[in-house]
């Protein structure tokens, strides 16, 4: 049940992030170009699994993208709003697909499942 709940939560965050992004009139090209940008954090695994897990997890928690979204709304600033919404959609997509936060034991070990 917990895995299903996390996947449903991911679907909701993906849909909400994408809806709000496009409802603000932003274009497809930036969305597609930046949707997978948080996955660049996987490069930390080139150093070792501990650095990789830390970098990946830092890029795959909702704190920073939600703060960017709120800052964009508060200051009527398009760039942080766009980035925050795309980032939120990315994390939602990952959760929906069953990709969770990583453990330092290896890339395949997540808080949702072992890949």
PDB file of N, CA and C in Angstrom:
ATOM      1  N   UNK A   1       0.819  -1.201   0.000  1.00  0.00           N
ATOM      2  CA  UNK A   1       0.000   0.000   0.000  1.00  0.00           C
ATOM      3  C   UNK A   1       0.862   1.265   0.000  1.00  0.00           C
ATOM      4  N   UNK A   2       1.979   1.258   0.752  1.00  0.00           N
ATOM      5  CA  UNK A   2       2.827   2.445   0.817  1.00  0.00           C
ATOM      6  C   UNK A   2       3.410   2.798  -0.534  1.00  0.00           C
ATOM      7  N   UNK A   3       3.846   1.790  -1.306  1.00  0.00           N
ATOM      8  CA  UNK A   3       4.394   2.047  -2.637  1.00  0.00           C
ATOM      9  C   UNK A   3       3.331   2.677  -3.529  1.00  0.00           C
ATOM     10  N   UNK A   4       2.129   2.165  -3.449  1.00  0.00           N
ATOM     11  CA  UNK A   4       1.035   2.686  -4.269  1.00  0.00           C
ATOM     12  C   UNK A   4       0.722   4.133  -3.888  1.00  0.00           C
ATOM     13  N   UNK A   5       0.729   4.422  -2.606  1.00  0.00           N
ATOM     14  CA  UNK A   5       0.447   5.772  -2.133  1.00  0.00           C
ATOM     15  C   UNK A   5       1.516   6.755  -2.623  1.00  0.00           C
ATOM     16  N   UNK A   6       2.782   6.347  -2.574  1.00  0.00           N
ATOM     17  CA  UNK A   6       3.867   7.208  -3.059  1.00  0.00           C
ATOM     18  C   UNK A   6       3.732   7.434  -4.556  1.00  0.00           C
ATOM     19  N   UNK A   7       3.344   6.410  -5.294  1.00  0.00           N
ATOM     20  CA  UNK A   7       3.159   6.561  -6.746  1.00  0.00           C
ATOM     21  C   UNK A   7       1.978   7.483  -7.065  1.00  0.00           C
ATOM     22  N   UNK A   8       0.907   7.367  -6.303  1.00  0.00           N
ATOM     23  CA  UNK A   8      -0.244   8.260  -6.506  1.00  0.00           C
ATOM     24  C   UNK A   8       0.143   9.693  -6.168  1.00  0.00           C
ATOM     25  N   UNK A   9       0.877   9.870  -5.081  1.00  0.00           N
ATOM     26  CA  UNK A   9       1.368  11.194  -4.720  1.00  0.00           C
ATOM     27  C   UNK A   9       2.226  11.768  -5.852  1.00  0.00           C
ATOM     28  N   UNK A  10       3.073  10.938  -6.439  1.00  0.00           N
ATOM     29  CA  UNK A  10       3.900  11.365  -7.562  1.00  0.00           C
ATOM     30  C   UNK A  10       3.066  11.801  -8.749  1.00  0.00           C
ATOM     31  N   UNK A  11       2.040  11.040  -9.064  1.00  0.00           N
ATOM     32  CA  UNK A  11       1.141  11.403 -10.163  1.00  0.00           C
ATOM     33  C   UNK A  11       0.482  12.751  -9.916  1.00  0.00           C
ATOM     34  N   UNK A  12       0.040  12.964  -8.690  1.00  0.00           N
ATOM     35  CA  UNK A  12      -0.599  14.239  -8.339  1.00  0.00           C
ATOM     36  C   UNK A  12       0.389  15.396  -8.476  1.00  0.00           C
ATOM     37  N   UNK A  13       1.620  15.213  -8.004  1.00  0.00           N
ATOM     38  CA  UNK A  13       2.616  16.286  -8.096  1.00  0.00           C
ATOM     39  C   UNK A  13       3.037  16.541  -9.539  1.00  0.00           C
ATOM     40  N   UNK A  14       3.148  15.493 -10.338  1.00  0.00           N
ATOM     41  CA  UNK A  14       3.450  15.656 -11.760  1.00  0.00           C
ATOM     42  C   UNK A  14       2.337  16.441 -12.441  1.00  0.00           C
ATOM     43  N   UNK A  15       1.101  16.035 -12.206  1.00  0.00           N
ATOM     44  CA  UNK A  15      -0.036  16.704 -12.836  1.00  0.00           C
ATOM     45  C   UNK A  15      -0.158  18.148 -12.363  1.00  0.00           C
ATOM     46  N   UNK A  16       0.001  18.381 -11.076  1.00  0.00           N
ATOM     47  CA  UNK A  16      -0.109  19.733 -10.533  1.00  0.00           C
ATOM     48  C   UNK A  16       0.997  20.634 -11.060  1.00  0.00           C
ATOM     49  N   UNK A  17       2.239  20.140 -11.039  1.00  0.00           N
ATOM     50  CA  UNK A  17       3.364  20.929 -11.547  1.00  0.00           C
ATOM     51  C   UNK A  17       3.192  21.272 -13.018  1.00  0.00           C
ATOM     52  N   UNK A  18       2.824  20.280 -13.833  1.00  0.00           N
ATOM     53  CA  UNK A  18       2.638  20.504 -15.273  1.00  0.00           C
ATOM     54  C   UNK A  18       1.444  21.426 -15.527  1.00  0.00           C
ATOM     55  N   UNK A  19       0.352  21.200 -14.818  1.00  0.00           N
ATOM     56  CA  UNK A  19      -0.828  22.046 -15.015  1.00  0.00           C
ATOM     57  C   UNK A  19      -0.525  23.511 -14.699  1.00  0.00           C
ATOM     58  N   UNK A  20       0.075  23.755 -13.546  1.00  0.00           N
ATOM     59  CA  UNK A  20       0.380  25.134 -13.159  1.00  0.00           C
ATOM     60  C   UNK A  20       1.392  25.773 -14.098  1.00  0.00           C
ATOM     61  N   UNK A  21       2.339  24.976 -14.584  1.00  0.00           N
ATOM     62  CA  UNK A  21       3.333  25.481 -15.528  1.00  0.00           C
ATOM     63  C   UNK A  21       2.644  25.967 -16.811  1.00  0.00           C
ATOM     64  N   UNK A  22       1.836  25.114 -17.390  1.00  0.00           N
ATOM     65  CA  UNK A  22       1.185  25.475 -18.653  1.00  0.00           C
ATOM     66  C   UNK A  22       0.045  26.473 -18.458  1.00  0.00           C
ATOM     67  N   UNK A  23      -0.598  26.457 -17.295  1.00  0.00           N
ATOM     68  CA  UNK A  23      -1.652  27.431 -17.003  1.00  0.00           C
ATOM     69  C   UNK A  23      -1.090  28.850 -16.931  1.00  0.00           C
ATOM     70  N   UNK A  24       0.200  28.966 -16.626  1.00  0.00           N
ATOM     71  CA  UNK A  24       0.848  30.276 -16.598  1.00  0.00           C
ATOM     72  C   UNK A  24       1.334  30.709 -17.975  1.00  0.00           C
ATOM     73  N   UNK A  25       1.057  29.914 -18.975  1.00  0.00           N
ATOM     74  CA  UNK A  25       1.388  30.275 -20.343  1.00  0.00           C
ATOM     75  C   UNK A  25       2.816  29.997 -20.758  1.00  0.00           C
ATOM     76  N   UNK A  26       3.526  29.187 -19.996  1.00  0.00           N
ATOM     77  CA  UNK A  26       4.904  28.868 -20.349  1.00  0.00           C
ATOM     78  C   UNK A  26       4.924  27.822 -21.464  1.00  0.00           C
ATOM     79  N   UNK A  27       6.009  27.796 -22.223  1.00  0.00           N
ATOM     80  CA  UNK A  27       6.089  26.953 -23.407  1.00  0.00           C
ATOM     81  C   UNK A  27       6.596  25.546 -23.164  1.00  0.00           C
ATOM     82  N   UNK A  28       6.412  24.724 -24.196  1.00  0.00           N
ATOM     83  CA  UNK A  28       6.821  23.328 -24.150  1.00  0.00           C
ATOM     84  C   UNK A  28       8.333  23.146 -24.163  1.00  0.00           C
ATOM     85  N   UNK A  29       9.038  23.966 -24.931  1.00  0.00           N
ATOM     86  CA  UNK A  29      10.469  23.762 -25.099  1.00  0.00           C
ATOM     87  C   UNK A  29      11.241  23.834 -23.778  1.00  0.00           C
ATOM     88  N   UNK A  30      11.064  24.898 -22.967  1.00  0.00           N
ATOM     89  CA  UNK A  30      11.769  24.907 -21.678  1.00  0.00           C
ATOM     90  C   UNK A  30      11.368  23.728 -20.794  1.00  0.00           C
ATOM     91  N   UNK A  31      10.098  23.360 -20.842  1.00  0.00           N
ATOM     92  CA  UNK A  31       9.611  22.244 -20.033  1.00  0.00           C
ATOM     93  C   UNK A  31      10.345  20.964 -20.414  1.00  0.00           C
ATOM     94  N   UNK A  32      10.403  20.679 -21.708  1.00  0.00           N
ATOM     95  CA  UNK A  32      11.057  19.454 -22.162  1.00  0.00           C
ATOM     96  C   UNK A  32      12.569  19.487 -21.931  1.00  0.00           C
ATOM     97  N   UNK A  33      13.180  20.660 -22.119  1.00  0.00           N
ATOM     98  CA  UNK A  33      14.628  20.775 -21.932  1.00  0.00           C
ATOM     99  C   UNK A  33      15.044  20.618 -20.472  1.00  0.00           C
ATOM    100  N   UNK A  34      14.214  21.092 -19.558  1.00  0.00           N
ATOM    101  CA  UNK A  34      14.584  21.085 -18.134  1.00  0.00           C
ATOM    102  C   UNK A  34      13.965  19.954 -17.324  1.00  0.00           C
ATOM    103  N   UNK A  35      13.032  19.212 -17.919  1.00  0.00           N
ATOM    104  CA  UNK A  35      12.314  18.189 -17.152  1.00  0.00           C
ATOM    105  C   UNK A  35      13.266  17.165 -16.527  1.00  0.00           C
ATOM    106  N   UNK A  36      14.311  16.798 -17.237  1.00  0.00           N
ATOM    107  CA  UNK A  36      15.210  15.781 -16.702  1.00  0.00           C
ATOM    108  C   UNK A  36      16.520  16.352 -16.166  1.00  0.00           C
ATOM    109  N   UNK A  37      16.602  17.667 -16.040  1.00  0.00           N
ATOM    110  CA  UNK A  37      17.814  18.309 -15.512  1.00  0.00           C
ATOM    111  C   UNK A  37      18.182  17.819 -14.102  1.00  0.00           C
ATOM    112  N   UNK A  38      17.209  17.575 -13.199  1.00  0.00           N
ATOM    113  CA  UNK A  38      17.604  17.083 -11.866  1.00  0.00           C
ATOM    114  C   UNK A  38      18.347  15.747 -11.898  1.00  0.00           C
ATOM    115  N   UNK A  39      18.186  14.996 -12.975  1.00  0.00           N
ATOM    116  CA  UNK A  39      18.882  13.716 -13.067  1.00  0.00           C
ATOM    117  C   UNK A  39      20.376  13.872 -13.293  1.00  0.00           C
ATOM    118  N   UNK A  40      20.830  15.085 -13.615  1.00  0.00           N
ATOM    119  CA  UNK A  40      22.271  15.322 -13.705  1.00  0.00           C
ATOM    120  C   UNK A  40      22.955  15.082 -12.363  1.00  0.00           C
ATOM    121  N   UNK A  41      22.166  15.107 -11.295  1.00  0.00           N
ATOM    122  CA  UNK A  41      22.719  14.847  -9.965  1.00  0.00           C
ATOM    123  C   UNK A  41      23.268  13.430  -9.851  1.00  0.00           C
ATOM    124  N   UNK A  42      22.884  12.542 -10.767  1.00  0.00           N
ATOM    125  CA  UNK A  42      23.411  11.174 -10.755  1.00  0.00           C
ATOM    126  C   UNK A  42      24.913  11.144 -11.027  1.00  0.00           C
ATOM    127  N   UNK A  43      25.432  12.236 -11.559  1.00  0.00           N
ATOM    128  CA  UNK A  43      26.868  12.293 -11.814  1.00  0.00           C
ATOM    129  C   UNK A  43      27.677  12.145 -10.528  1.00  0.00           C
ATOM    130  N   UNK A  44      27.053  12.415  -9.393  1.00  0.00           N
ATOM    131  CA  UNK A  44      27.720  12.221  -8.115  1.00  0.00           C
ATOM    132  C   UNK A  44      28.140  10.775  -7.891  1.00  0.00           C
ATOM    133  N   UNK A  45      27.456   9.860  -8.549  1.00  0.00           N
ATOM    134  CA  UNK A  45      27.824   8.451  -8.424  1.00  0.00           C
ATOM    135  C   UNK A  45      29.171   8.152  -9.076  1.00  0.00           C
ATOM    136  N   UNK A  46      29.660   9.061  -9.913  1.00  0.00           N
ATOM    137  CA  UNK A  46      30.998   8.889 -10.494  1.00  0.00           C
ATOM    138  C   UNK A  46      32.074   9.030  -9.416  1.00  0.00           C
ATOM    139  N   UNK A  47      31.740   9.752  -8.342  1.00  0.00           N
ATOM    140  CA  UNK A  47      32.677   9.896  -7.220  1.00  0.00           C
ATOM    141  C   UNK A  47      32.607   8.649  -6.349  1.00  0.00           C
ATOM    142  N   UNK A  48      31.443   8.396  -5.782  1.00  0.00           N
ATOM    143  CA  UNK A  48      31.178   7.171  -5.018  1.00  0.00           C
ATOM    144  C   UNK A  48      29.692   7.128  -4.684  1.00  0.00           C
ATOM    145  N   UNK A  49      29.242   6.024  -4.092  1.00  0.00           N
ATOM    146  CA  UNK A  49      27.805   5.877  -3.831  1.00  0.00           C
ATOM    147  C   UNK A  49      27.300   6.844  -2.773  1.00  0.00           C
ATOM    148  N   UNK A  50      28.129   7.187  -1.820  1.00  0.00           N
ATOM    149  CA  UNK A  50      27.695   8.110  -0.767  1.00  0.00           C
ATOM    150  C   UNK A  50      27.454   9.514  -1.349  1.00  0.00           C
ATOM    151  N   UNK A  51      28.413  10.027  -2.113  1.00  0.00           N
ATOM    152  CA  UNK A  51      28.265  11.342  -2.757  1.00  0.00           C
ATOM    153  C   UNK A  51      27.105  11.297  -3.739  1.00  0.00           C
ATOM    154  N   UNK A  52      27.010  10.206  -4.493  1.00  0.00           N
ATOM    155  CA  UNK A  52      25.923  10.068  -5.456  1.00  0.00           C
ATOM    156  C   UNK A  52      24.556  10.108  -4.802  1.00  0.00           C
ATOM    157  N   UNK A  53      24.393   9.370  -3.721  1.00  0.00           N
ATOM    158  CA  UNK A  53      23.107   9.347  -3.015  1.00  0.00           C
ATOM    159  C   UNK A  53      22.778  10.721  -2.447  1.00  0.00           C
ATOM    160  N   UNK A  54      23.764  11.383  -1.872  1.00  0.00           N
ATOM    161  CA  UNK A  54      23.541  12.714  -1.309  1.00  0.00           C
ATOM    162  C   UNK A  54      23.117  13.703  -2.401  1.00  0.00           C
ATOM    163  N   UNK A  55      23.859  13.710  -3.520  1.00  0.00           N
ATOM    164  CA  UNK A  55      23.551  14.638  -4.613  1.00  0.00           C
ATOM    165  C   UNK A  55      22.178  14.331  -5.213  1.00  0.00           C
ATOM    166  N   UNK A  56      21.910  13.068  -5.444  1.00  0.00           N
ATOM    167  CA  UNK A  56      20.629  12.668  -6.022  1.00  0.00           C
ATOM    168  C   UNK A  56      19.476  13.066  -5.101  1.00  0.00           C
ATOM    169  N   UNK A  57      19.613  12.759  -3.822  1.00  0.00           N
ATOM    170  CA  UNK A  57      18.546  13.073  -2.867  1.00  0.00           C
ATOM    171  C   UNK A  57      18.332  14.577  -2.718  1.00  0.00           C
ATOM    172  N   UNK A  58      19.425  15.340  -2.750  1.00  0.00           N
ATOM    173  CA  UNK A  58      19.300  16.795  -2.663  1.00  0.00           C
ATOM    174  C   UNK A  58      18.505  17.350  -3.840  1.00  0.00           C
ATOM    175  N   UNK A  59      18.658  16.734  -5.002  1.00  0.00           N
ATOM    176  CA  UNK A  59      17.951  17.197  -6.203  1.00  0.00           C
ATOM    177  C   UNK A  59      16.562  16.581  -6.345  1.00  0.00           C
ATOM    178  N   UNK A  60      16.212  15.643  -5.475  1.00  0.00           N
ATOM    179  CA  UNK A  60      14.939  14.944  -5.621  1.00  0.00           C
ATOM    180  C   UNK A  60      14.057  15.024  -4.373  1.00  0.00           C
ATOM    181  N   UNK A  61      14.211  16.101  -3.626  1.00  0.00           N
ATOM    182  CA  UNK A  61      13.267  16.390  -2.548  1.00  0.00           C
ATOM    183  C   UNK A  61      12.482  17.636  -2.954  1.00  0.00           C
ATOM    184  N   UNK A  62      11.313  17.783  -2.419  1.00  0.00           N
ATOM    185  CA  UNK A  62      10.422  18.871  -2.833  1.00  0.00           C
ATOM    186  C   UNK A  62      10.757  20.230  -2.214  1.00  0.00           C
ATOM    187  N   UNK A  63      11.660  20.308  -1.276  1.00  0.00           N
ATOM    188  CA  UNK A  63      11.905  21.552  -0.540  1.00  0.00           C
ATOM    189  C   UNK A  63      12.327  22.697  -1.453  1.00  0.00           C
ATOM    190  N   UNK A  64      13.410  22.527  -2.188  1.00  0.00           N
ATOM    191  CA  UNK A  64      13.925  23.625  -3.022  1.00  0.00           C
ATOM    192  C   UNK A  64      12.960  23.988  -4.155  1.00  0.00           C
ATOM    193  N   UNK A  65      12.408  23.011  -4.893  1.00  0.00           N
ATOM    194  CA  UNK A  65      11.484  23.416  -5.951  1.00  0.00           C
ATOM    195  C   UNK A  65      10.231  24.129  -5.432  1.00  0.00           C
ATOM    196  N   UNK A  66       9.754  23.719  -4.275  1.00  0.00           N
ATOM    197  CA  UNK A  66       8.580  24.412  -3.727  1.00  0.00           C
ATOM    198  C   UNK A  66       8.938  25.812  -3.242  1.00  0.00           C
ATOM    199  N   UNK A  67      10.138  25.981  -2.682  1.00  0.00           N
ATOM    200  CA  UNK A  67      10.585  27.326  -2.300  1.00  0.00           C
ATOM    201  C   UNK A  67      10.753  28.218  -3.530  1.00  0.00           C
ATOM    202  N   UNK A  68      11.299  27.669  -4.607  1.00  0.00           N
ATOM    203  CA  UNK A  68      11.419  28.432  -5.856  1.00  0.00           C
ATOM    204  C   UNK A  68      10.043  28.830  -6.383  1.00  0.00           C
ATOM    205  N   UNK A  69       9.114  27.894  -6.343  1.00  0.00           N
ATOM    206  CA  UNK A  69       7.750  28.175  -6.804  1.00  0.00           C
ATOM    207  C   UNK A  69       7.118  29.286  -5.975  1.00  0.00           C
ATOM    208  N   UNK A  70       7.251  29.191  -4.665  1.00  0.00           N
ATOM    209  CA  UNK A  70       6.692  30.225  -3.790  1.00  0.00           C
ATOM    210  C   UNK A  70       7.362  31.574  -4.010  1.00  0.00           C
ATOM    211  N   UNK A  71       8.679  31.576  -4.192  1.00  0.00           N
ATOM    212  CA  UNK A  71       9.387  32.831  -4.458  1.00  0.00           C
ATOM    213  C   UNK A  71       8.930  33.430  -5.787  1.00  0.00           C
ATOM    214  N   UNK A  72       8.764  32.592  -6.789  1.00  0.00           N
ATOM    215  CA  UNK A  72       8.278  33.073  -8.079  1.00  0.00           C
ATOM    216  C   UNK A  72       6.902  33.689  -7.972  1.00  0.00           C
ATOM    217  N   UNK A  73       6.037  33.059  -7.194  1.00  0.00           N
ATOM    218  CA  UNK A  73       4.690  33.613  -6.989  1.00  0.00           C
ATOM    219  C   UNK A  73       4.737  34.902  -6.175  1.00  0.00           C
ATOM    220  N   UNK A  74       5.526  34.901  -5.106  1.00  0.00           N
ATOM    221  CA  UNK A  74       5.584  36.061  -4.215  1.00  0.00           C
ATOM    222  C   UNK A  74       6.156  37.292  -4.900  1.00  0.00           C
ATOM    223  N   UNK A  75       7.137  37.088  -5.771  1.00  0.00           N
ATOM    224  CA  UNK A  75       7.810  38.217  -6.403  1.00  0.00           C
ATOM    225  C   UNK A  75       7.439  38.394  -7.879  1.00  0.00           C
ATOM    226  N   UNK A  76       6.411  37.667  -8.313  1.00  0.00           N
ATOM    227  CA  UNK A  76       5.981  37.713  -9.725  1.00  0.00           C
ATOM    228  C   UNK A  76       7.166  37.538 -10.667  1.00  0.00           C
ATOM    229  N   UNK A  77       7.990  36.549 -10.376  1.00  0.00           N
ATOM    230  CA  UNK A  77       9.192  36.275 -11.160  1.00  0.00           C
ATOM    231  C   UNK A  77       9.004  34.966 -11.924  1.00  0.00           C
ATOM    232  N   UNK A  78       9.050  35.056 -13.235  1.00  0.00           N
ATOM    233  CA  UNK A  78       8.781  33.886 -14.066  1.00  0.00           C
ATOM    234  C   UNK A  78       9.836  32.788 -13.949  1.00  0.00           C
ATOM    235  N   UNK A  79      11.105  33.135 -13.965  1.00  0.00           N
ATOM    236  CA  UNK A  79      12.154  32.111 -13.995  1.00  0.00           C
ATOM    237  C   UNK A  79      12.113  31.168 -12.793  1.00  0.00           C
ATOM    238  N   UNK A  80      12.088  31.679 -11.547  1.00  0.00           N
ATOM    239  CA  UNK A  80      12.017  30.723 -10.434  1.00  0.00           C
ATOM    240  C   UNK A  80      10.705  29.939 -10.425  1.00  0.00           C
ATOM    241  N   UNK A  81       9.623  30.560 -10.868  1.00  0.00           N
ATOM    242  CA  UNK A  81       8.347  29.848 -10.930  1.00  0.00           C
ATOM    243  C   UNK A  81       8.417  28.717 -11.947  1.00  0.00           C
ATOM    244  N   UNK A  82       8.957  29.006 -13.127  1.00  0.00           N
ATOM    245  CA  UNK A  82       9.086  27.975 -14.158  1.00  0.00           C
ATOM    246  C   UNK A  82       9.958  26.815 -13.674  1.00  0.00           C
ATOM    247  N   UNK A  83      11.120  27.148 -13.135  1.00  0.00           N
ATOM    248  CA  UNK A  83      12.046  26.109 -12.689  1.00  0.00           C
ATOM    249  C   UNK A  83      11.431  25.297 -11.551  1.00  0.00           C
ATOM    250  N   UNK A  84      10.801  25.961 -10.610  1.00  0.00           N
ATOM    251  CA  UNK A  84      10.172  25.262  -9.489  1.00  0.00           C
ATOM    252  C   UNK A  84       9.080  24.314  -9.938  1.00  0.00           C
ATOM    253  N   UNK A  85       8.263  24.732 -10.884  1.00  0.00           N
ATOM    254  CA  UNK A  85       7.172  23.876 -11.363  1.00  0.00           C
ATOM    255  C   UNK A  85       7.693  22.700 -12.180  1.00  0.00           C
ATOM    256  N   UNK A  86       8.684  22.945 -13.020  1.00  0.00           N
ATOM    257  CA  UNK A  86       9.268  21.849 -13.802  1.00  0.00           C
ATOM    258  C   UNK A  86       9.950  20.841 -12.868  1.00  0.00           C
ATOM    259  N   UNK A  87      10.681  21.358 -11.900  1.00  0.00           N
ATOM    260  CA  UNK A  87      11.378  20.498 -10.940  1.00  0.00           C
ATOM    261  C   UNK A  87      10.383  19.661 -10.137  1.00  0.00           C
ATOM    262  N   UNK A  88       9.292  20.281  -9.711  1.00  0.00           N
ATOM    263  CA  UNK A  88       8.242  19.567  -8.988  1.00  0.00           C
ATOM    264  C   UNK A  88       7.652  18.466  -9.859  1.00  0.00           C
ATOM    265  N   UNK A  89       7.388  18.784 -11.130  1.00  0.00           N
ATOM    266  CA  UNK A  89       6.859  17.786 -12.060  1.00  0.00           C
ATOM    267  C   UNK A  89       7.843  16.630 -12.223  1.00  0.00           C
ATOM    268  N   UNK A  90       9.127  16.935 -12.299  1.00  0.00           N
ATOM    269  CA  UNK A  90      10.143  15.885 -12.445  1.00  0.00           C
ATOM    270  C   UNK A  90      10.130  14.931 -11.249  1.00  0.00           C
ATOM    271  N   UNK A  91      10.127  15.491 -10.057  1.00  0.00           N
ATOM    272  CA  UNK A  91      10.121  14.640  -8.864  1.00  0.00           C
ATOM    273  C   UNK A  91       8.846  13.807  -8.831  1.00  0.00           C
ATOM    274  N   UNK A  92       7.730  14.412  -9.187  1.00  0.00           N
ATOM    275  CA  UNK A  92       6.475  13.671  -9.253  1.00  0.00           C
ATOM    276  C   UNK A  92       6.548  12.523 -10.249  1.00  0.00           C
ATOM    277  N   UNK A  93       7.134  12.780 -11.419  1.00  0.00           N
ATOM    278  CA  UNK A  93       7.294  11.733 -12.430  1.00  0.00           C
ATOM    279  C   UNK A  93       8.143  10.588 -11.889  1.00  0.00           C
ATOM    280  N   UNK A  94       9.245  10.932 -11.240  1.00  0.00           N
ATOM    281  CA  UNK A  94      10.104   9.893 -10.663  1.00  0.00           C
ATOM    282  C   UNK A  94       9.342   9.057  -9.641  1.00  0.00           C
ATOM    283  N   UNK A  95       8.630   9.693  -8.739  1.00  0.00           N
ATOM    284  CA  UNK A  95       7.883   8.961  -7.704  1.00  0.00           C
ATOM    285  C   UNK A  95       6.800   8.092  -8.352  1.00  0.00           C
ATOM    286  N   UNK A  96       6.130   8.635  -9.357  1.00  0.00           N
ATOM    287  CA  UNK A  96       5.079   7.887 -10.039  1.00  0.00           C
ATOM    288  C   UNK A  96       5.657   6.617 -10.685  1.00  0.00           C
ATOM    289  N   UNK A  97       6.885   6.716 -11.187  1.00  0.00           N
ATOM    290  CA  UNK A  97       7.528   5.580 -11.846  1.00  0.00           C
ATOM    291  C   UNK A  97       8.189   4.622 -10.844  1.00  0.00           C
ATOM    292  N   UNK A  98       8.165   4.971  -9.562  1.00  0.00           N
ATOM    293  CA  UNK A  98       8.724   4.107  -8.539  1.00  0.00           C
ATOM    294  C   UNK A  98      10.161   4.405  -8.180  1.00  0.00           C
ATOM    295  N   UNK A  99      10.695   5.528  -8.685  1.00  0.00           N
ATOM    296  CA  UNK A  99      12.058   5.921  -8.336  1.00  0.00           C
ATOM    297  C   UNK A  99      12.018   6.785  -7.093  1.00  0.00           C
ATOM    298  N   UNK A 100      12.686   6.333  -6.060  1.00  0.00           N
ATOM    299  CA  UNK A 100      12.654   7.066  -4.805  1.00  0.00           C
ATOM    300  C   UNK A 100      13.991   7.659  -4.450  1.00  0.00           C
ATOM    301  N   UNK A 101      14.076   8.160  -3.255  1.00  0.00           N
ATOM    302  CA  UNK A 101      15.335   8.676  -2.723  1.00  0.00           C
ATOM    303  C   UNK A 101      16.292   7.507  -2.547  1.00  0.00           C
ATOM    304  N   UNK A 102      17.572   7.776  -2.713  1.00  0.00           N
ATOM    305  CA  UNK A 102      18.582   6.719  -2.739  1.00  0.00           C
ATOM    306  C   UNK A 102      19.254   6.530  -1.388  1.00  0.00           C
ATOM    307  N   UNK A 103      19.635   5.287  -1.148  1.00  0.00           N
ATOM    308  CA  UNK A 103      20.462   4.956   0.008  1.00  0.00           C
ATOM    309  C   UNK A 103      21.918   4.894  -0.447  1.00  0.00           C
ATOM    310  N   UNK A 104      22.827   5.113   0.449  1.00  0.00           N
ATOM    311  CA  UNK A 104      24.250   5.108   0.115  1.00  0.00           C
ATOM    312  C   UNK A 104      24.761   3.705  -0.216  1.00  0.00           C
ATOM    313  N   UNK A 105      23.939   2.688  -0.027  1.00  0.00           N
ATOM    314  CA  UNK A 105      24.363   1.315  -0.328  1.00  0.00           C
ATOM    315  C   UNK A 105      24.458   1.050  -1.822  1.00  0.00           C
ATOM    316  N   UNK A 106      23.803   1.873  -2.632  1.00  0.00           N
ATOM    317  CA  UNK A 106      23.870   1.700  -4.078  1.00  0.00           C
ATOM    318  C   UNK A 106      22.720   2.393  -4.774  1.00  0.00           C
ATOM    319  N   UNK A 107      22.911   2.680  -6.053  1.00  0.00           N
ATOM    320  CA  UNK A 107      21.911   3.411  -6.825  1.00  0.00           C
ATOM    321  C   UNK A 107      20.577   2.675  -6.875  1.00  0.00           C
ATOM    322  N   UNK A 108      20.614   1.371  -6.852  1.00  0.00           N
ATOM    323  CA  UNK A 108      19.400   0.574  -6.986  1.00  0.00           C
ATOM    324  C   UNK A 108      18.555   0.549  -5.712  1.00  0.00           C
ATOM    325  N   UNK A 109      19.100   0.974  -4.589  1.00  0.00           N
ATOM    326  CA  UNK A 109      18.379   0.940  -3.311  1.00  0.00           C
ATOM    327  C   UNK A 109      17.667   2.260  -3.063  1.00  0.00           C
ATOM    328  N   UNK A 110      16.323   2.247  -3.095  1.00  0.00           N
ATOM    329  CA  UNK A 110      15.540   3.462  -2.900  1.00  0.00           C
ATOM    330  C   UNK A 110      14.588   3.287  -1.726  1.00  0.00           C
ATOM    331  N   UNK A 111      13.982   4.392  -1.321  1.00  0.00           N
ATOM    332  CA  UNK A 111      13.029   4.319  -0.217  1.00  0.00           C
ATOM    333  C   UNK A 111      11.693   3.728  -0.657  1.00  0.00           C
ATOM    334  N   UNK A 112      11.516   3.512  -1.947  1.00  0.00           N
ATOM    335  CA  UNK A 112      10.276   2.918  -2.446  1.00  0.00           C
ATOM    336  C   UNK A 112      10.473   1.426  -2.719  1.00  0.00           C
ATOM    337  N   UNK A 113      11.565   1.091  -3.387  1.00  0.00           N
ATOM    338  CA  UNK A 113      11.815  -0.284  -3.777  1.00  0.00           C
ATOM    339  C   UNK A 113      13.282  -0.458  -4.159  1.00  0.00           C
ATOM    340  N   UNK A 114      13.662  -1.700  -4.318  1.00  0.00           N
ATOM    341  CA  UNK A 114      15.003  -1.996  -4.862  1.00  0.00           C
ATOM    342  C   UNK A 114      14.831  -2.155  -6.365  1.00  0.00           C
ATOM    343  N   UNK A 115      15.582  -1.349  -7.135  1.00  0.00           N
ATOM    344  CA  UNK A 115      15.438  -1.377  -8.590  1.00  0.00           C
ATOM    345  C   UNK A 115      16.296  -2.453  -9.206  1.00  0.00           C
TER     346      UNK A 115
END
